[in-house]
Amino acid sequence: MTEFEKKQSGKIYDARDSELRSLQYRAKDLMREYNRIPAANENEKKRVLDLLVGAAGKNVRVNQPFYVDYGSNIFIGDNSFINLNCTLLDTGKITIGKNTLIGPDVKIYTAVHAKETSERFWEEDDGAVYVKTWTQPVRIGDGVWIGGGSILLPGVTIGDHAVIGAGSVVTESIPAGAVACGNPCKVKKRREADI
């Protein structure tokens, strides 16, 4: 199994792997290109975004600047909007449903490290120390609104039509139709109208 295959399947992988580094370098170059495109040049932004992410549906808008890790693990549904200064660290898969709004400064993380320091690193024969990493996907449903400044941690799912209040830290999955906020993010009420 390659390091890429380990990463994609949620196993501990070696981020120093040359294939993984090449994929990251490609993404960083495309990300910089995307962020330098004049804001009004929609055709060029779409062209580069289609190269950068795994898939972007119809009528997707991603405001600049936009930051990614690999890019290819990001899948954005039709009519969705990602506001400026968002960071999607997509070592694992990030799925964003259709008709979803993501506010400015939102951070989505998929990389996981062990809580115990002794399990977080491995040491090579030459004494060099490296971080052990694995991934957990983040899934965001259809019709979701994630308020600005929110942080979504690895492995969470946000159900269809949920609303996440600004500045929330989402540590656990949020059900469909919920209005949730806080640190940690908790359900405050349920809405049934859109479900």
C-alpha atoms as a PDB file:
ATOM      1  CA  MET A   1       0.000   0.000   0.000  1.00  0.00           C
ATOM      2  CA  THR A   2       1.422   3.402  -0.986  1.00  0.00           C
ATOM      3  CA  GLU A   3       1.546   6.342   1.423  1.00  0.00           C
ATOM      4  CA  PHE A   4      -1.139   8.004  -0.710  1.00  0.00           C
ATOM      5  CA  GLU A   5      -3.400   4.948  -0.339  1.00  0.00           C
ATOM      6  CA  LYS A   6      -2.761   4.887   3.416  1.00  0.00           C
ATOM      7  CA  LYS A   7      -3.654   8.583   3.669  1.00  0.00           C
ATOM      8  CA  GLN A   8      -6.825   8.202   1.643  1.00  0.00           C
ATOM      9  CA  SER A   9      -7.988   5.211   3.707  1.00  0.00           C
ATOM     10  CA  GLY A  10      -7.395   6.817   7.119  1.00  0.00           C
ATOM     11  CA  LYS A  11      -4.295   4.825   8.052  1.00  0.00           C
ATOM     12  CA  ILE A  12      -1.139   6.365   9.522  1.00  0.00           C
ATOM     13  CA  TYR A  13       0.964   7.631   6.640  1.00  0.00           C
ATOM     14  CA  ASP A  14       4.360   9.218   6.079  1.00  0.00           C
ATOM     15  CA  ALA A  15       3.817  12.797   4.906  1.00  0.00           C
ATOM     16  CA  ARG A  16       7.438  12.944   3.710  1.00  0.00           C
ATOM     17  CA  ASP A  17       6.577  10.611   0.825  1.00  0.00           C
ATOM     18  CA  SER A  18       7.641  12.071  -2.540  1.00  0.00           C
ATOM     19  CA  GLU A  19       4.254  11.435  -4.211  1.00  0.00           C
ATOM     20  CA  LEU A  20       2.435  13.221  -1.386  1.00  0.00           C
ATOM     21  CA  ARG A  21       4.887  16.117  -1.452  1.00  0.00           C
ATOM     22  CA  SER A  22       4.393  16.470  -5.220  1.00  0.00           C
ATOM     23  CA  LEU A  23       0.620  16.574  -4.774  1.00  0.00           C
ATOM     24  CA  GLN A  24       0.953  19.242  -2.087  1.00  0.00           C
ATOM     25  CA  TYR A  25       3.363  21.336  -4.163  1.00  0.00           C
ATOM     26  CA  ARG A  26       0.961  21.193  -7.118  1.00  0.00           C
ATOM     27  CA  ALA A  27      -1.928  22.280  -4.884  1.00  0.00           C
ATOM     28  CA  LYS A  28       0.053  25.129  -3.319  1.00  0.00           C
ATOM     29  CA  ASP A  29       1.055  26.410  -6.764  1.00  0.00           C
ATOM     30  CA  LEU A  30      -2.542  26.268  -8.042  1.00  0.00           C
ATOM     31  CA  MET A  31      -3.792  27.864  -4.813  1.00  0.00           C
ATOM     32  CA  ARG A  32      -1.374  30.793  -5.239  1.00  0.00           C
ATOM     33  CA  GLU A  33      -2.431  31.127  -8.882  1.00  0.00           C
ATOM     34  CA  TYR A  34      -6.115  31.123  -7.892  1.00  0.00           C
ATOM     35  CA  ASN A  35      -5.586  33.749  -5.193  1.00  0.00           C
ATOM     36  CA  ARG A  36      -3.810  36.095  -7.660  1.00  0.00           C
ATOM     37  CA  ILE A  37      -6.528  36.020 -10.341  1.00  0.00           C
ATOM     38  CA  PRO A  38      -8.409  39.353 -10.596  1.00  0.00           C
ATOM     39  CA  ALA A  39     -11.684  38.967  -8.685  1.00  0.00           C
ATOM     40  CA  ALA A  40     -13.830  39.827 -11.723  1.00  0.00           C
ATOM     41  CA  ASN A  41     -12.210  37.167 -13.955  1.00  0.00           C
ATOM     42  CA  GLU A  42     -14.782  34.445 -13.265  1.00  0.00           C
ATOM     43  CA  ASN A  43     -13.756  32.256 -16.219  1.00  0.00           C
ATOM     44  CA  GLU A  44     -10.129  32.036 -15.128  1.00  0.00           C
ATOM     45  CA  LYS A  45     -11.097  31.427 -11.497  1.00  0.00           C
ATOM     46  CA  LYS A  46     -13.345  28.539 -12.591  1.00  0.00           C
ATOM     47  CA  ARG A  47     -10.594  27.087 -14.774  1.00  0.00           C
ATOM     48  CA  VAL A  48      -8.040  27.062 -11.941  1.00  0.00           C
ATOM     49  CA  LEU A  49     -10.558  25.942  -9.300  1.00  0.00           C
ATOM     50  CA  ASP A  50     -11.463  22.953 -11.483  1.00  0.00           C
ATOM     51  CA  LEU A  51      -7.760  22.015 -11.568  1.00  0.00           C
ATOM     52  CA  LEU A  52      -7.321  22.582  -7.829  1.00  0.00           C
ATOM     53  CA  VAL A  53     -10.263  20.751  -6.220  1.00  0.00           C
ATOM     54  CA  GLY A  54     -11.580  17.220  -6.651  1.00  0.00           C
ATOM     55  CA  ALA A  55     -14.885  18.525  -8.026  1.00  0.00           C
ATOM     56  CA  ALA A  56     -16.840  21.774  -8.087  1.00  0.00           C
ATOM     57  CA  GLY A  57     -20.471  21.698  -9.175  1.00  0.00           C
ATOM     58  CA  LYS A  58     -22.396  24.274 -11.184  1.00  0.00           C
ATOM     59  CA  ASN A  59     -22.555  27.866  -9.967  1.00  0.00           C
ATOM     60  CA  VAL A  60     -19.922  27.377  -7.224  1.00  0.00           C
ATOM     61  CA  ARG A  61     -18.286  30.518  -5.888  1.00  0.00           C
ATOM     62  CA  VAL A  62     -15.076  30.525  -3.830  1.00  0.00           C
ATOM     63  CA  ASN A  63     -13.912  33.960  -2.721  1.00  0.00           C
ATOM     64  CA  GLN A  64     -10.222  34.745  -2.536  1.00  0.00           C
ATOM     65  CA  PRO A  65      -8.031  34.115  -0.686  1.00  0.00           C
ATOM     66  CA  PHE A  66      -8.649  30.383  -0.339  1.00  0.00           C
ATOM     67  CA  TYR A  67      -6.233  27.931   1.291  1.00  0.00           C
ATOM     68  CA  VAL A  68      -5.917  24.152   0.868  1.00  0.00           C
ATOM     69  CA  ASP A  69      -3.541  21.322   1.658  1.00  0.00           C
ATOM     70  CA  TYR A  70      -4.047  18.947  -1.296  1.00  0.00           C
ATOM     71  CA  GLY A  71      -7.120  20.463  -2.958  1.00  0.00           C
ATOM     72  CA  SER A  72      -7.975  17.199  -4.699  1.00  0.00           C
ATOM     73  CA  ASN A  73      -9.867  15.948  -1.608  1.00  0.00           C
ATOM     74  CA  ILE A  74     -12.386  18.822  -1.727  1.00  0.00           C
ATOM     75  CA  PHE A  75     -15.769  18.190  -3.360  1.00  0.00           C
ATOM     76  CA  ILE A  76     -18.196  21.137  -3.609  1.00  0.00           C
ATOM     77  CA  GLY A  77     -21.851  20.759  -4.598  1.00  0.00           C
ATOM     78  CA  ASP A  78     -23.884  22.963  -6.957  1.00  0.00           C
ATOM     79  CA  ASN A  79     -24.721  26.524  -5.911  1.00  0.00           C
ATOM     80  CA  SER A  80     -22.436  26.488  -2.884  1.00  0.00           C
ATOM     81  CA  PHE A  81     -20.464  29.495  -1.698  1.00  0.00           C
ATOM     82  CA  ILE A  82     -17.201  29.648   0.251  1.00  0.00           C
ATOM     83  CA  ASN A  83     -16.399  33.125   1.513  1.00  0.00           C
ATOM     84  CA  LEU A  84     -12.958  34.686   1.779  1.00  0.00           C
ATOM     85  CA  ASN A  85     -10.020  33.510   3.878  1.00  0.00           C
ATOM     86  CA  CYS A  86     -11.240  29.942   4.372  1.00  0.00           C
ATOM     87  CA  THR A  87      -8.751  27.141   5.020  1.00  0.00           C
ATOM     88  CA  LEU A  88      -9.671  23.583   4.041  1.00  0.00           C
ATOM     89  CA  LEU A  89      -6.903  21.240   5.192  1.00  0.00           C
ATOM     90  CA  ASP A  90      -7.964  18.337   3.035  1.00  0.00           C
ATOM     91  CA  THR A  91      -5.491  15.609   3.871  1.00  0.00           C
ATOM     92  CA  GLY A  92      -8.738  13.616   4.074  1.00  0.00           C
ATOM     93  CA  LYS A  93     -11.921  14.074   2.065  1.00  0.00           C
ATOM     94  CA  ILE A  94     -14.039  17.212   2.559  1.00  0.00           C
ATOM     95  CA  THR A  95     -17.499  16.995   1.022  1.00  0.00           C
ATOM     96  CA  ILE A  96     -19.650  20.124   0.819  1.00  0.00           C
ATOM     97  CA  GLY A  97     -23.245  19.591  -0.289  1.00  0.00           C
ATOM     98  CA  LYS A  98     -25.256  21.688  -2.686  1.00  0.00           C
ATOM     99  CA  ASN A  99     -26.774  25.069  -1.760  1.00  0.00           C
ATOM    100  CA  THR A 100     -24.396  25.424   1.185  1.00  0.00           C
ATOM    101  CA  LEU A 101     -22.901  28.656   2.523  1.00  0.00           C
ATOM    102  CA  ILE A 102     -19.559  28.777   4.303  1.00  0.00           C
ATOM    103  CA  GLY A 103     -18.768  32.099   5.976  1.00  0.00           C
ATOM    104  CA  PRO A 104     -15.431  33.920   6.016  1.00  0.00           C
ATOM    105  CA  ASP A 105     -12.476  32.615   8.008  1.00  0.00           C
ATOM    106  CA  VAL A 106     -13.931  29.105   8.376  1.00  0.00           C
ATOM    107  CA  LYS A 107     -11.370  26.356   8.978  1.00  0.00           C
ATOM    108  CA  ILE A 108     -11.993  22.693   8.153  1.00  0.00           C
ATOM    109  CA  TYR A 109      -9.450  20.142   9.357  1.00  0.00           C
ATOM    110  CA  THR A 110      -9.141  16.453   8.467  1.00  0.00           C
ATOM    111  CA  ALA A 111      -5.680  15.556   9.830  1.00  0.00           C
ATOM    112  CA  VAL A 112      -5.484  13.670  13.137  1.00  0.00           C
ATOM    113  CA  HIS A 113      -2.561  13.156  15.508  1.00  0.00           C
ATOM    114  CA  ALA A 114      -2.345  10.964  18.617  1.00  0.00           C
ATOM    115  CA  LYS A 115      -3.106  12.607  21.960  1.00  0.00           C
ATOM    116  CA  GLU A 116      -0.156  10.862  23.633  1.00  0.00           C
ATOM    117  CA  THR A 117       3.146  12.527  22.788  1.00  0.00           C
ATOM    118  CA  SER A 118       4.965   9.197  22.665  1.00  0.00           C
ATOM    119  CA  GLU A 119       2.514   7.966  19.991  1.00  0.00           C
ATOM    120  CA  ARG A 120       2.556  11.190  17.966  1.00  0.00           C
ATOM    121  CA  PHE A 121       6.072  10.839  16.544  1.00  0.00           C
ATOM    122  CA  TRP A 122       8.398   8.253  15.084  1.00  0.00           C
ATOM    123  CA  GLU A 123      12.151   8.462  15.188  1.00  0.00           C
ATOM    124  CA  GLU A 124      14.407   7.404  12.343  1.00  0.00           C
ATOM    125  CA  ASP A 125      17.775   5.673  12.785  1.00  0.00           C
ATOM    126  CA  ASP A 126      19.539   8.984  12.136  1.00  0.00           C
ATOM    127  CA  GLY A 127      17.687  10.581  15.077  1.00  0.00           C
ATOM    128  CA  ALA A 128      15.279  12.613  12.930  1.00  0.00           C
ATOM    129  CA  VAL A 129      11.767  12.803  14.387  1.00  0.00           C
ATOM    130  CA  TYR A 130       8.607  12.897  12.248  1.00  0.00           C
ATOM    131  CA  VAL A 131       4.914  13.357  12.988  1.00  0.00           C
ATOM    132  CA  LYS A 132       2.483  10.447  12.585  1.00  0.00           C
ATOM    133  CA  THR A 133      -0.717  11.531  10.859  1.00  0.00           C
ATOM    134  CA  TRP A 134      -3.954   9.932   9.730  1.00  0.00           C
ATOM    135  CA  THR A 135      -7.191  11.404   8.414  1.00  0.00           C
ATOM    136  CA  GLN A 136     -10.901  11.520   9.132  1.00  0.00           C
ATOM    137  CA  PRO A 137     -13.279  12.979   6.524  1.00  0.00           C
ATOM    138  CA  VAL A 138     -15.560  15.968   7.077  1.00  0.00           C
ATOM    139  CA  ARG A 139     -19.022  15.914   5.497  1.00  0.00           C
ATOM    140  CA  ILE A 140     -21.240  18.968   5.151  1.00  0.00           C
ATOM    141  CA  GLY A 141     -24.771  18.354   3.903  1.00  0.00           C
ATOM    142  CA  ASP A 142     -27.064  20.224   1.521  1.00  0.00           C
ATOM    143  CA  GLY A 143     -28.502  23.596   2.456  1.00  0.00           C
ATOM    144  CA  VAL A 144     -26.098  24.139   5.377  1.00  0.00           C
ATOM    145  CA  TRP A 145     -24.940  27.543   6.606  1.00  0.00           C
ATOM    146  CA  ILE A 146     -21.671  27.669   8.538  1.00  0.00           C
ATOM    147  CA  GLY A 147     -21.084  31.026  10.206  1.00  0.00           C
ATOM    148  CA  GLY A 148     -17.845  32.949   9.900  1.00  0.00           C
ATOM    149  CA  GLY A 149     -14.867  31.989  12.000  1.00  0.00           C
ATOM    150  CA  SER A 150     -16.121  28.482  12.732  1.00  0.00           C
ATOM    151  CA  ILE A 151     -13.766  25.514  12.986  1.00  0.00           C
ATOM    152  CA  LEU A 152     -14.790  21.987  11.954  1.00  0.00           C
ATOM    153  CA  LEU A 153     -12.636  19.223  13.406  1.00  0.00           C
ATOM    154  CA  PRO A 154     -11.762  15.900  11.744  1.00  0.00           C
ATOM    155  CA  GLY A 155     -14.519  13.315  11.408  1.00  0.00           C
ATOM    156  CA  VAL A 156     -17.561  15.572  11.879  1.00  0.00           C
ATOM    157  CA  THR A 157     -20.684  15.495   9.760  1.00  0.00           C
ATOM    158  CA  ILE A 158     -23.006  18.486   9.496  1.00  0.00           C
ATOM    159  CA  GLY A 159     -26.494  17.277   8.540  1.00  0.00           C
ATOM    160  CA  ASP A 160     -28.626  18.777   5.781  1.00  0.00           C
ATOM    161  CA  HIS A 161     -30.069  22.249   6.470  1.00  0.00           C
ATOM    162  CA  ALA A 162     -28.154  22.707   9.719  1.00  0.00           C
ATOM    163  CA  VAL A 163     -26.967  26.163  10.799  1.00  0.00           C
ATOM    164  CA  ILE A 164     -23.676  26.570  12.659  1.00  0.00           C
ATOM    165  CA  GLY A 165     -23.327  29.878  14.517  1.00  0.00           C
ATOM    166  CA  ALA A 166     -20.337  32.117  13.895  1.00  0.00           C
ATOM    167  CA  GLY A 167     -17.213  31.306  15.868  1.00  0.00           C
ATOM    168  CA  SER A 168     -18.270  27.762  16.737  1.00  0.00           C
ATOM    169  CA  VAL A 169     -15.828  24.899  17.240  1.00  0.00           C
ATOM    170  CA  VAL A 170     -17.521  21.766  15.907  1.00  0.00           C
ATOM    171  CA  THR A 171     -16.045  18.765  17.726  1.00  0.00           C
ATOM    172  CA  GLU A 172     -18.952  16.332  17.149  1.00  0.00           C
ATOM    173  CA  SER A 173     -21.424  15.730  14.339  1.00  0.00           C
ATOM    174  CA  ILE A 174     -24.488  17.982  14.149  1.00  0.00           C
ATOM    175  CA  PRO A 175     -27.828  16.491  12.997  1.00  0.00           C
ATOM    176  CA  ALA A 176     -29.946  17.670  10.075  1.00  0.00           C
ATOM    177  CA  GLY A 177     -32.052  20.746  10.729  1.00  0.00           C
ATOM    178  CA  ALA A 178     -30.182  21.749  13.871  1.00  0.00           C
ATOM    179  CA  VAL A 179     -29.196  25.253  14.870  1.00  0.00           C
ATOM    180  CA  ALA A 180     -25.962  24.868  16.816  1.00  0.00           C
ATOM    181  CA  CYS A 181     -23.249  27.126  18.177  1.00  0.00           C
ATOM    182  CA  GLY A 182     -20.543  27.516  20.779  1.00  0.00           C
ATOM    183  CA  ASN A 183     -17.225  26.045  21.832  1.00  0.00           C
ATOM    184  CA  PRO A 184     -17.767  23.178  21.806  1.00  0.00           C
ATOM    185  CA  CYS A 185     -20.639  23.515  19.337  1.00  0.00           C
ATOM    186  CA  LYS A 186     -23.939  22.255  20.769  1.00  0.00           C
ATOM    187  CA  VAL A 187     -27.455  21.994  19.314  1.00  0.00           C
ATOM    188  CA  LYS A 188     -29.644  24.879  20.549  1.00  0.00           C
ATOM    189  CA  LYS A 189     -32.820  24.042  18.636  1.00  0.00           C
ATOM    190  CA  ARG A 190     -34.179  21.961  15.769  1.00  0.00           C
ATOM    191  CA  ARG A 191     -35.891  23.238  12.638  1.00  0.00           C
ATOM    192  CA  GLU A 192     -38.182  20.928  10.691  1.00  0.00           C
ATOM    193  CA  ALA A 193     -39.175  23.284   7.825  1.00  0.00           C
ATOM    194  CA  ASP A 194     -36.351  22.334   5.433  1.00  0.00           C
ATOM    195  CA  ILE A 195     -36.040  18.652   6.306  1.00  0.00           C
END
